[in-house]
PDB file of N, CA and C in Angstrom:
ATOM      1  N   UNK A   1     -87.682  95.118  14.172  1.00  0.00           N
ATOM      2  CA  UNK A   1     -86.514  95.593  13.512  1.00  0.00           C
ATOM      3  C   UNK A   1     -85.768  94.202  13.079  1.00  0.00           C
ATOM      4  N   UNK A   2     -85.560  93.175  13.822  1.00  0.00           N
ATOM      5  CA  UNK A   2     -85.532  92.096  13.643  1.00  0.00           C
ATOM      6  C   UNK A   2     -86.095  91.119  12.395  1.00  0.00           C
ATOM      7  N   UNK A   3     -87.209  91.222  12.382  1.00  0.00           N
ATOM      8  CA  UNK A   3     -88.227  90.958  11.530  1.00  0.00           C
ATOM      9  C   UNK A   3     -88.175  91.375  10.300  1.00  0.00           C
ATOM     10  N   UNK A   4     -87.658  92.690  10.070  1.00  0.00           N
ATOM     11  CA  UNK A   4     -87.496  92.980   8.775  1.00  0.00           C
ATOM     12  C   UNK A   4     -86.079  92.764   8.376  1.00  0.00           C
ATOM     13  N   UNK A   5     -85.313  92.546   9.311  1.00  0.00           N
ATOM     14  CA  UNK A   5     -83.841  92.041   8.944  1.00  0.00           C
ATOM     15  C   UNK A   5     -83.972  90.628   8.143  1.00  0.00           C
ATOM     16  N   UNK A   6     -84.861  89.710   8.893  1.00  0.00           N
ATOM     17  CA  UNK A   6     -84.735  88.562   8.531  1.00  0.00           C
ATOM     18  C   UNK A   6     -85.743  88.358   7.168  1.00  0.00           C
ATOM     19  N   UNK A   7     -86.580  89.024   6.983  1.00  0.00           N
ATOM     20  CA  UNK A   7     -87.494  89.292   6.019  1.00  0.00           C
ATOM     21  C   UNK A   7     -86.199  89.401   4.696  1.00  0.00           C
ATOM     22  N   UNK A   8     -85.579  90.611   4.609  1.00  0.00           N
ATOM     23  CA  UNK A   8     -85.158  91.300   3.889  1.00  0.00           C
ATOM     24  C   UNK A   8     -83.850  90.013   3.642  1.00  0.00           C
ATOM     25  N   UNK A   9     -82.934  89.472   4.563  1.00  0.00           N
ATOM     26  CA  UNK A   9     -82.581  88.385   3.992  1.00  0.00           C
ATOM     27  C   UNK A   9     -82.973  87.141   3.724  1.00  0.00           C
ATOM     28  N   UNK A  10     -84.195  86.811   3.896  1.00  0.00           N
ATOM     29  CA  UNK A  10     -85.074  85.674   2.634  1.00  0.00           C
ATOM     30  C   UNK A  10     -85.067  86.281   1.297  1.00  0.00           C
ATOM     31  N   UNK A  11     -85.259  87.766   1.395  1.00  0.00           N
ATOM     32  CA  UNK A  11     -85.669  88.245  -0.101  1.00  0.00           C
ATOM     33  C   UNK A  11     -84.347  88.005  -0.855  1.00  0.00           C
ATOM     34  N   UNK A  12     -83.253  88.310  -0.144  1.00  0.00           N
ATOM     35  CA  UNK A  12     -82.234  88.460  -0.801  1.00  0.00           C
ATOM     36  C   UNK A  12     -81.610  86.892  -1.151  1.00  0.00           C
ATOM     37  N   UNK A  13     -81.877  85.974  -0.244  1.00  0.00           N
ATOM     38  CA  UNK A  13     -81.568  84.602  -1.194  1.00  0.00           C
ATOM     39  C   UNK A  13     -82.585  83.923  -1.749  1.00  0.00           C
ATOM     40  N   UNK A  14     -83.592  84.678  -1.720  1.00  0.00           N
ATOM     41  CA  UNK A  14     -84.690  84.286  -2.850  1.00  0.00           C
ATOM     42  C   UNK A  14     -84.537  84.534  -4.361  1.00  0.00           C
ATOM     43  N   UNK A  15     -83.903  86.007  -3.918  1.00  0.00           N
ATOM     44  CA  UNK A  15     -83.330  86.784  -5.691  1.00  0.00           C
ATOM     45  C   UNK A  15     -82.186  85.977  -5.846  1.00  0.00           C
ATOM     46  N   UNK A  16     -81.280  85.558  -5.179  1.00  0.00           N
ATOM     47  CA  UNK A  16     -80.259  85.155  -5.382  1.00  0.00           C
ATOM     48  C   UNK A  16     -80.455  83.643  -5.883  1.00  0.00           C
ATOM     49  N   UNK A  17     -81.494  82.857  -5.342  1.00  0.00           N
ATOM     50  CA  UNK A  17     -81.708  81.574  -5.809  1.00  0.00           C
ATOM     51  C   UNK A  17     -82.541  81.754  -7.492  1.00  0.00           C
ATOM     52  N   UNK A  18     -83.283  82.852  -7.414  1.00  0.00           N
ATOM     53  CA  UNK A  18     -83.984  82.579  -8.867  1.00  0.00           C
ATOM     54  C   UNK A  18     -83.312  83.365  -9.747  1.00  0.00           C
ATOM     55  N   UNK A  19     -82.442  83.938  -9.346  1.00  0.00           N
ATOM     56  CA  UNK A  19     -81.129  84.441 -10.661  1.00  0.00           C
ATOM     57  C   UNK A  19     -81.312  83.318 -11.835  1.00  0.00           C
ATOM     58  N   UNK A  20     -81.577  83.716 -12.927  1.00  0.00           N
ATOM     59  CA  UNK A  20     -81.374  82.993 -14.280  1.00  0.00           C
ATOM     60  C   UNK A  20     -79.714  82.511 -14.073  1.00  0.00           C
ATOM     61  N   UNK A  21     -79.285  81.578 -14.847  1.00  0.00           N
ATOM     62  CA  UNK A  21     -78.139  81.298 -14.883  1.00  0.00           C
ATOM     63  C   UNK A  21     -77.571  81.721 -16.374  1.00  0.00           C
ATOM     64  N   UNK A  22     -76.183  82.883 -16.424  1.00  0.00           N
ATOM     65  CA  UNK A  22     -76.148  83.151 -17.530  1.00  0.00           C
ATOM     66  C   UNK A  22     -75.162  81.751 -18.355  1.00  0.00           C
ATOM     67  N   UNK A  23     -75.540  81.727 -19.735  1.00  0.00           N
ATOM     68  CA  UNK A  23     -75.345  80.919 -20.542  1.00  0.00           C
ATOM     69  C   UNK A  23     -73.578  80.685 -20.509  1.00  0.00           C
ATOM     70  N   UNK A  24     -72.856  80.113 -20.299  1.00  0.00           N
ATOM     71  CA  UNK A  24     -71.334  80.175 -20.716  1.00  0.00           C
ATOM     72  C   UNK A  24     -70.706  80.730 -21.727  1.00  0.00           C
ATOM     73  N   UNK A  25     -69.953  81.657 -22.142  1.00  0.00           N
ATOM     74  CA  UNK A  25     -69.373  81.606 -23.265  1.00  0.00           C
ATOM     75  C   UNK A  25     -68.908  80.878 -24.092  1.00  0.00           C
ATOM     76  N   UNK A  26     -69.289  80.321 -25.428  1.00  0.00           N
ATOM     77  CA  UNK A  26     -68.817  79.179 -26.131  1.00  0.00           C
ATOM     78  C   UNK A  26     -67.262  79.315 -26.426  1.00  0.00           C
ATOM     79  N   UNK A  27     -66.462  78.248 -26.233  1.00  0.00           N
ATOM     80  CA  UNK A  27     -65.096  78.357 -26.246  1.00  0.00           C
ATOM     81  C   UNK A  27     -64.858  79.241 -27.468  1.00  0.00           C
ATOM     82  N   UNK A  28     -63.574  79.498 -27.252  1.00  0.00           N
ATOM     83  CA  UNK A  28     -63.241  79.933 -28.978  1.00  0.00           C
ATOM     84  C   UNK A  28     -62.709  78.940 -30.003  1.00  0.00           C
ATOM     85  N   UNK A  29     -62.791  78.979 -30.543  1.00  0.00           N
ATOM     86  CA  UNK A  29     -62.125  77.941 -31.848  1.00  0.00           C
ATOM     87  C   UNK A  29     -60.902  78.105 -31.762  1.00  0.00           C
ATOM     88  N   UNK A  30     -60.407  76.700 -31.794  1.00  0.00           N
ATOM     89  CA  UNK A  30     -58.822  76.626 -31.805  1.00  0.00           C
ATOM     90  C   UNK A  30     -58.259  77.393 -33.127  1.00  0.00           C
ATOM     91  N   UNK A  31     -57.127  78.001 -32.906  1.00  0.00           N
ATOM     92  CA  UNK A  31     -56.254  79.045 -33.496  1.00  0.00           C
ATOM     93  C   UNK A  31     -55.751  77.828 -34.730  1.00  0.00           C
ATOM     94  N   UNK A  32     -56.110  78.112 -35.967  1.00  0.00           N
ATOM     95  CA  UNK A  32     -55.354  77.539 -37.086  1.00  0.00           C
ATOM     96  C   UNK A  32     -54.058  77.403 -36.622  1.00  0.00           C
ATOM     97  N   UNK A  33     -53.122  76.439 -37.358  1.00  0.00           N
ATOM     98  CA  UNK A  33     -51.607  76.427 -37.576  1.00  0.00           C
ATOM     99  C   UNK A  33     -51.302  77.466 -38.653  1.00  0.00           C
ATOM    100  N   UNK A  34     -50.116  78.154 -37.984  1.00  0.00           N
ATOM    101  CA  UNK A  34     -49.696  79.447 -39.048  1.00  0.00           C
ATOM    102  C   UNK A  34     -49.725  78.817 -40.783  1.00  0.00           C
ATOM    103  N   UNK A  35     -49.919  79.769 -41.565  1.00  0.00           N
ATOM    104  CA  UNK A  35     -49.697  79.228 -43.276  1.00  0.00           C
ATOM    105  C   UNK A  35     -48.060  79.376 -43.409  1.00  0.00           C
ATOM    106  N   UNK A  36     -47.728  78.509 -44.269  1.00  0.00           N
ATOM    107  CA  UNK A  36     -46.432  78.529 -44.241  1.00  0.00           C
ATOM    108  C   UNK A  36     -46.374  79.202 -45.827  1.00  0.00           C
ATOM    109  N   UNK A  37     -45.531  80.132 -46.246  1.00  0.00           N
ATOM    110  CA  UNK A  37     -45.605  80.696 -47.681  1.00  0.00           C
ATOM    111  C   UNK A  37     -45.226  79.372 -48.565  1.00  0.00           C
ATOM    112  N   UNK A  38     -45.580  79.574 -49.677  1.00  0.00           N
ATOM    113  CA  UNK A  38     -45.013  78.049 -50.872  1.00  0.00           C
ATOM    114  C   UNK A  38     -43.646  78.924 -51.225  1.00  0.00           C
ATOM    115  N   UNK A  39     -42.850  78.155 -51.405  1.00  0.00           N
ATOM    116  CA  UNK A  39     -41.459  78.515 -52.251  1.00  0.00           C
ATOM    117  C   UNK A  39     -42.517  79.264 -53.140  1.00  0.00           C
ATOM    118  N   UNK A  40     -41.372  80.359 -54.065  1.00  0.00           N
ATOM    119  CA  UNK A  40     -41.750  80.738 -55.351  1.00  0.00           C
ATOM    120  C   UNK A  40     -41.056  79.469 -56.312  1.00  0.00           C
ATOM    121  N   UNK A  41     -41.751  80.167 -57.395  1.00  0.00           N
ATOM    122  CA  UNK A  41     -41.369  78.806 -58.706  1.00  0.00           C
ATOM    123  C   UNK A  41     -40.054  79.223 -58.835  1.00  0.00           C
ATOM    124  N   UNK A  42     -39.284  78.461 -59.647  1.00  0.00           N
ATOM    125  CA  UNK A  42     -38.109  78.802 -59.805  1.00  0.00           C
ATOM    126  C   UNK A  42     -38.105  79.783 -61.207  1.00  0.00           C
ATOM    127  N   UNK A  43     -37.041  80.867 -61.339  1.00  0.00           N
ATOM    128  CA  UNK A  43     -36.810  80.939 -62.151  1.00  0.00           C
ATOM    129  C   UNK A  43     -36.440  80.382 -63.227  1.00  0.00           C
ATOM    130  N   UNK A  44     -36.850  80.471 -64.535  1.00  0.00           N
ATOM    131  CA  UNK A  44     -36.228  79.517 -65.921  1.00  0.00           C
ATOM    132  C   UNK A  44     -34.877  80.021 -66.080  1.00  0.00           C
ATOM    133  N   UNK A  45     -33.816  79.257 -66.348  1.00  0.00           N
ATOM    134  CA  UNK A  45     -32.833  79.659 -66.544  1.00  0.00           C
ATOM    135  C   UNK A  45     -32.698  80.063 -67.996  1.00  0.00           C
ATOM    136  N   UNK A  46     -31.779  81.222 -67.872  1.00  0.00           N
ATOM    137  CA  UNK A  46     -31.284  81.867 -69.018  1.00  0.00           C
ATOM    138  C   UNK A  46     -30.765  81.003 -70.309  1.00  0.00           C
ATOM    139  N   UNK A  47     -31.520  81.513 -71.265  1.00  0.00           N
ATOM    140  CA  UNK A  47     -30.835  80.483 -72.287  1.00  0.00           C
ATOM    141  C   UNK A  47     -29.450  81.274 -73.026  1.00  0.00           C
ATOM    142  N   UNK A  48     -28.143  80.208 -72.869  1.00  0.00           N
ATOM    143  CA  UNK A  48     -27.167  80.799 -73.187  1.00  0.00           C
ATOM    144  C   UNK A  48     -26.274  79.727 -74.051  1.00  0.00           C
ATOM    145  N   UNK A  49     -25.671  80.152 -75.342  1.00  0.00           N
ATOM    146  CA  UNK A  49     -25.221  79.317 -75.695  1.00  0.00           C
ATOM    147  C   UNK A  49     -23.806  78.555 -74.809  1.00  0.00           C
ATOM    148  N   UNK A  50     -24.073  77.166 -75.184  1.00  0.00           N
ATOM    149  CA  UNK A  50     -22.885  76.506 -74.129  1.00  0.00           C
ATOM    150  C   UNK A  50     -21.333  76.878 -74.329  1.00  0.00           C
ATOM    151  N   UNK A  51     -21.185  77.003 -75.698  1.00  0.00           N
ATOM    152  CA  UNK A  51     -19.936  77.821 -75.982  1.00  0.00           C
ATOM    153  C   UNK A  51     -19.790  78.819 -76.462  1.00  0.00           C
ATOM    154  N   UNK A  52     -18.610  79.322 -76.433  1.00  0.00           N
ATOM    155  CA  UNK A  52     -18.454  81.133 -76.977  1.00  0.00           C
ATOM    156  C   UNK A  52     -18.988  80.619 -78.808  1.00  0.00           C
ATOM    157  N   UNK A  53     -19.347  81.923 -79.183  1.00  0.00           N
ATOM    158  CA  UNK A  53     -19.352  81.855 -80.908  1.00  0.00           C
ATOM    159  C   UNK A  53     -18.035  81.765 -81.445  1.00  0.00           C
ATOM    160  N   UNK A  54     -17.997  80.451 -82.500  1.00  0.00           N
ATOM    161  CA  UNK A  54     -16.944  80.356 -83.428  1.00  0.00           C
ATOM    162  C   UNK A  54     -16.460  81.961 -83.923  1.00  0.00           C
ATOM    163  N   UNK A  55     -15.230  82.138 -83.761  1.00  0.00           N
ATOM    164  CA  UNK A  55     -14.813  83.374 -84.554  1.00  0.00           C
ATOM    165  C   UNK A  55     -13.835  82.831 -85.600  1.00  0.00           C
ATOM    166  N   UNK A  56     -13.616  81.671 -85.755  1.00  0.00           N
ATOM    167  CA  UNK A  56     -12.521  81.120 -86.779  1.00  0.00           C
ATOM    168  C   UNK A  56     -13.360  81.469 -88.048  1.00  0.00           C
ATOM    169  N   UNK A  57     -12.545  81.169 -89.151  1.00  0.00           N
ATOM    170  CA  UNK A  57     -13.245  81.478 -90.338  1.00  0.00           C
ATOM    171  C   UNK A  57     -13.710  79.991 -90.880  1.00  0.00           C
ATOM    172  N   UNK A  58     -14.916  79.985 -91.425  1.00  0.00           N
ATOM    173  CA  UNK A  58     -15.346  78.453 -91.972  1.00  0.00           C
ATOM    174  C   UNK A  58     -14.739  78.296 -93.068  1.00  0.00           C
ATOM    175  N   UNK A  59     -14.730  77.281 -93.474  1.00  0.00           N
ATOM    176  CA  UNK A  59     -13.832  76.568 -94.705  1.00  0.00           C
ATOM    177  C   UNK A  59     -15.126  77.165 -95.566  1.00  0.00           C
ATOM    178  N   UNK A  60     -14.433  77.273 -97.406  1.00  0.00           N
ATOM    179  CA  UNK A  60     -14.921  77.641 -98.292  1.00  0.00           C
ATOM    180  C   UNK A  60     -14.291  78.982 -98.873  1.00  0.00           C
ATOM    181  N   UNK A  61     -14.977  79.136-100.095  1.00  0.00           N
ATOM    182  CA  UNK A  61     -14.332  80.375-100.911  1.00  0.00           C
ATOM    183  C   UNK A  61     -15.170  81.801-100.473  1.00  0.00           C
ATOM    184  N   UNK A  62     -14.942  82.630-100.511  1.00  0.00           N
ATOM    185  CA  UNK A  62     -15.654  84.312-100.811  1.00  0.00           C
ATOM    186  C   UNK A  62     -15.033  85.082-101.629  1.00  0.00           C
ATOM    187  N   UNK A  63     -15.977  85.422-102.946  1.00  0.00           N
ATOM    188  CA  UNK A  63     -15.496  86.512-103.428  1.00  0.00           C
ATOM    189  C   UNK A  63     -15.925  87.627-103.397  1.00  0.00           C
ATOM    190  N   UNK A  64     -15.233  88.853-102.950  1.00  0.00           N
ATOM    191  CA  UNK A  64     -15.708  90.463-103.585  1.00  0.00           C
ATOM    192  C   UNK A  64     -15.149  90.955-104.355  1.00  0.00           C
ATOM    193  N   UNK A  65     -16.262  91.970-104.623  1.00  0.00           N
ATOM    194  CA  UNK A  65     -16.372  92.425-106.431  1.00  0.00           C
ATOM    195  C   UNK A  65     -16.418  93.984-105.847  1.00  0.00           C
ATOM    196  N   UNK A  66     -15.818  94.419-106.203  1.00  0.00           N
ATOM    197  CA  UNK A  66     -16.237  96.089-106.185  1.00  0.00           C
ATOM    198  C   UNK A  66     -15.461  97.266-107.380  1.00  0.00           C
ATOM    199  N   UNK A  67     -15.450  98.647-107.162  1.00  0.00           N
ATOM    200  CA  UNK A  67     -15.383  99.024-108.321  1.00  0.00           C
ATOM    201  C   UNK A  67     -13.832  99.510-108.436  1.00  0.00           C
ATOM    202  N   UNK A  68     -12.818  99.117-106.995  1.00  0.00           N
ATOM    203  CA  UNK A  68     -11.924  99.053-107.081  1.00  0.00           C
ATOM    204  C   UNK A  68     -10.985  97.923-107.306  1.00  0.00           C
ATOM    205  N   UNK A  69     -11.463  96.953-107.198  1.00  0.00           N
ATOM    206  CA  UNK A  69     -11.124  95.513-107.752  1.00  0.00           C
ATOM    207  C   UNK A  69     -11.753  94.423-107.505  1.00  0.00           C
ATOM    208  N   UNK A  70     -10.911  93.193-106.775  1.00  0.00           N
ATOM    209  CA  UNK A  70     -11.891  92.094-106.910  1.00  0.00           C
ATOM    210  C   UNK A  70     -10.766  91.528-105.594  1.00  0.00           C
ATOM    211  N   UNK A  71     -11.370  90.460-104.609  1.00  0.00           N
ATOM    212  CA  UNK A  71     -10.560  89.697-103.513  1.00  0.00           C
ATOM    213  C   UNK A  71     -11.275  88.503-103.371  1.00  0.00           C
ATOM    214  N   UNK A  72     -10.540  88.019-103.365  1.00  0.00           N
ATOM    215  CA  UNK A  72     -10.729  86.323-103.454  1.00  0.00           C
ATOM    216  C   UNK A  72     -10.018  85.621-102.147  1.00  0.00           C
ATOM    217  N   UNK A  73     -11.310  84.751-101.303  1.00  0.00           N
ATOM    218  CA  UNK A  73     -10.515  84.350-100.062  1.00  0.00           C
ATOM    219  C   UNK A  73     -10.939  83.204-100.057  1.00  0.00           C
ATOM    220  N   UNK A  74     -10.120  81.967 -99.755  1.00  0.00           N
ATOM    221  CA  UNK A  74     -10.029  80.752 -99.623  1.00  0.00           C
ATOM    222  C   UNK A  74      -9.696  79.519 -98.755  1.00  0.00           C
ATOM    223  N   UNK A  75     -10.342  78.913 -97.816  1.00  0.00           N
ATOM    224  CA  UNK A  75      -9.846  78.146 -96.834  1.00  0.00           C
ATOM    225  C   UNK A  75     -10.520  76.766 -96.916  1.00  0.00           C
ATOM    226  N   UNK A  76      -9.552  76.084 -96.797  1.00  0.00           N
ATOM    227  CA  UNK A  76      -9.523  74.603 -96.442  1.00  0.00           C
ATOM    228  C   UNK A  76      -8.733  73.975 -95.427  1.00  0.00           C
ATOM    229  N   UNK A  77      -9.348  74.001 -94.470  1.00  0.00           N
ATOM    230  CA  UNK A  77      -9.032  73.242 -93.166  1.00  0.00           C
ATOM    231  C   UNK A  77      -7.843  74.325 -92.739  1.00  0.00           C
ATOM    232  N   UNK A  78      -6.769  74.309 -92.277  1.00  0.00           N
ATOM    233  CA  UNK A  78      -5.679  75.158 -91.911  1.00  0.00           C
ATOM    234  C   UNK A  78      -5.206  75.934 -92.982  1.00  0.00           C
ATOM    235  N   UNK A  79      -5.112  75.972 -93.888  1.00  0.00           N
ATOM    236  CA  UNK A  79      -4.832  76.107 -95.395  1.00  0.00           C
ATOM    237  C   UNK A  79      -5.559  77.312 -95.427  1.00  0.00           C
ATOM    238  N   UNK A  80      -5.101  78.458 -96.331  1.00  0.00           N
ATOM    239  CA  UNK A  80      -6.052  79.901 -96.501  1.00  0.00           C
ATOM    240  C   UNK A  80      -5.084  80.609 -98.122  1.00  0.00           C
ATOM    241  N   UNK A  81      -5.731  80.967 -98.945  1.00  0.00           N
ATOM    242  CA  UNK A  81      -5.114  81.813 -99.803  1.00  0.00           C
ATOM    243  C   UNK A  81      -5.754  82.804 -99.800  1.00  0.00           C
ATOM    244  N   UNK A  82      -5.105  84.254 -99.997  1.00  0.00           N
ATOM    245  CA  UNK A  82      -5.746  85.529-100.248  1.00  0.00           C
ATOM    246  C   UNK A  82      -5.225  86.028-101.767  1.00  0.00           C
ATOM    247  N   UNK A  83      -6.181  86.324-102.307  1.00  0.00           N
ATOM    248  CA  UNK A  83      -5.930  87.018-103.502  1.00  0.00           C
ATOM    249  C   UNK A  83      -6.615  88.628-103.493  1.00  0.00           C
ATOM    250  N   UNK A  84      -5.853  89.376-103.762  1.00  0.00           N
ATOM    251  CA  UNK A  84      -6.221  90.527-104.022  1.00  0.00           C
ATOM    252  C   UNK A  84      -5.844  91.317-105.234  1.00  0.00           C
ATOM    253  N   UNK A  85      -6.885  91.909-106.172  1.00  0.00           N
ATOM    254  CA  UNK A  85      -6.278  92.718-107.332  1.00  0.00           C
ATOM    255  C   UNK A  85      -7.059  93.984-107.353  1.00  0.00           C
ATOM    256  N   UNK A  86      -6.169  94.973-107.182  1.00  0.00           N
ATOM    257  CA  UNK A  86      -7.097  96.319-107.685  1.00  0.00           C
ATOM    258  C   UNK A  86      -6.020  97.310-108.139  1.00  0.00           C
ATOM    259  N   UNK A  87      -6.547  98.607-108.607  1.00  0.00           N
ATOM    260  CA  UNK A  87      -5.668  99.338-109.183  1.00  0.00           C
ATOM    261  C   UNK A  87      -4.693  99.883-108.460  1.00  0.00           C
ATOM    262  N   UNK A  88      -4.406 100.085-107.495  1.00  0.00           N
ATOM    263  CA  UNK A  88      -3.152 100.309-106.427  1.00  0.00           C
ATOM    264  C   UNK A  88      -2.724  99.144-105.997  1.00  0.00           C
ATOM    265  N   UNK A  89      -3.455  97.812-105.852  1.00  0.00           N
ATOM    266  CA  UNK A  89      -2.604  97.070-105.164  1.00  0.00           C
ATOM    267  C   UNK A  89      -2.629  95.832-105.430  1.00  0.00           C
ATOM    268  N   UNK A  90      -1.883  94.895-105.916  1.00  0.00           N
ATOM    269  CA  UNK A  90      -1.883  93.277-106.288  1.00  0.00           C
ATOM    270  C   UNK A  90      -1.151  92.496-105.257  1.00  0.00           C
ATOM    271  N   UNK A  91      -1.986  91.512-104.598  1.00  0.00           N
ATOM    272  CA  UNK A  91      -1.255  90.887-103.571  1.00  0.00           C
ATOM    273  C   UNK A  91      -2.076  89.548-103.323  1.00  0.00           C
ATOM    274  N   UNK A  92      -0.850  88.530-103.018  1.00  0.00           N
ATOM    275  CA  UNK A  92      -1.099  87.120-103.299  1.00  0.00           C
ATOM    276  C   UNK A  92      -0.594  86.581-101.856  1.00  0.00           C
ATOM    277  N   UNK A  93      -1.540  85.984-101.263  1.00  0.00           N
ATOM    278  CA  UNK A  93      -1.095  85.376 -99.768  1.00  0.00           C
ATOM    279  C   UNK A  93      -1.441  84.126 -99.531  1.00  0.00           C
ATOM    280  N   UNK A  94      -0.905  83.221 -99.336  1.00  0.00           N
ATOM    281  CA  UNK A  94      -0.823  81.426 -98.843  1.00  0.00           C
ATOM    282  C   UNK A  94      -0.315  81.120 -97.378  1.00  0.00           C
ATOM    283  N   UNK A  95      -1.445  81.046 -96.549  1.00  0.00           N
ATOM    284  CA  UNK A  95      -0.973  80.856 -95.476  1.00  0.00           C
ATOM    285  C   UNK A  95      -1.030  79.381 -95.130  1.00  0.00           C
ATOM    286  N   UNK A  96       0.119  78.574 -94.565  1.00  0.00           N
ATOM    287  CA  UNK A  96      -0.586  77.051 -94.118  1.00  0.00           C
ATOM    288  C   UNK A  96       0.012  76.900 -92.222  1.00  0.00           C
ATOM    289  N   UNK A  97      -0.938  76.782 -91.576  1.00  0.00           N
ATOM    290  CA  UNK A  97      -0.417  76.548 -90.203  1.00  0.00           C
ATOM    291  C   UNK A  97      -0.130  75.244 -90.021  1.00  0.00           C
TER     292      UNK A  97
END
């Protein structure tokens, strides 16, 4: 029985020494750096008039004529004149500021 144990021991050693080496697993590639999201493009600025619309009357003359009468408005600088003539209303206004 001693011979059988010695032979079995040599067989185990022989099998262990003849065993093929398994290739080592290749190292994992390094992880890439985290992706940074680029800043979104700037939104275009809304087109807004720089100043409020001019609500003052422009210089000049305007004439309105209808079936009831006539209206004349004249403005030069700060001086304005309004003349209204109709069947029921006759009015003349001259404003100077």
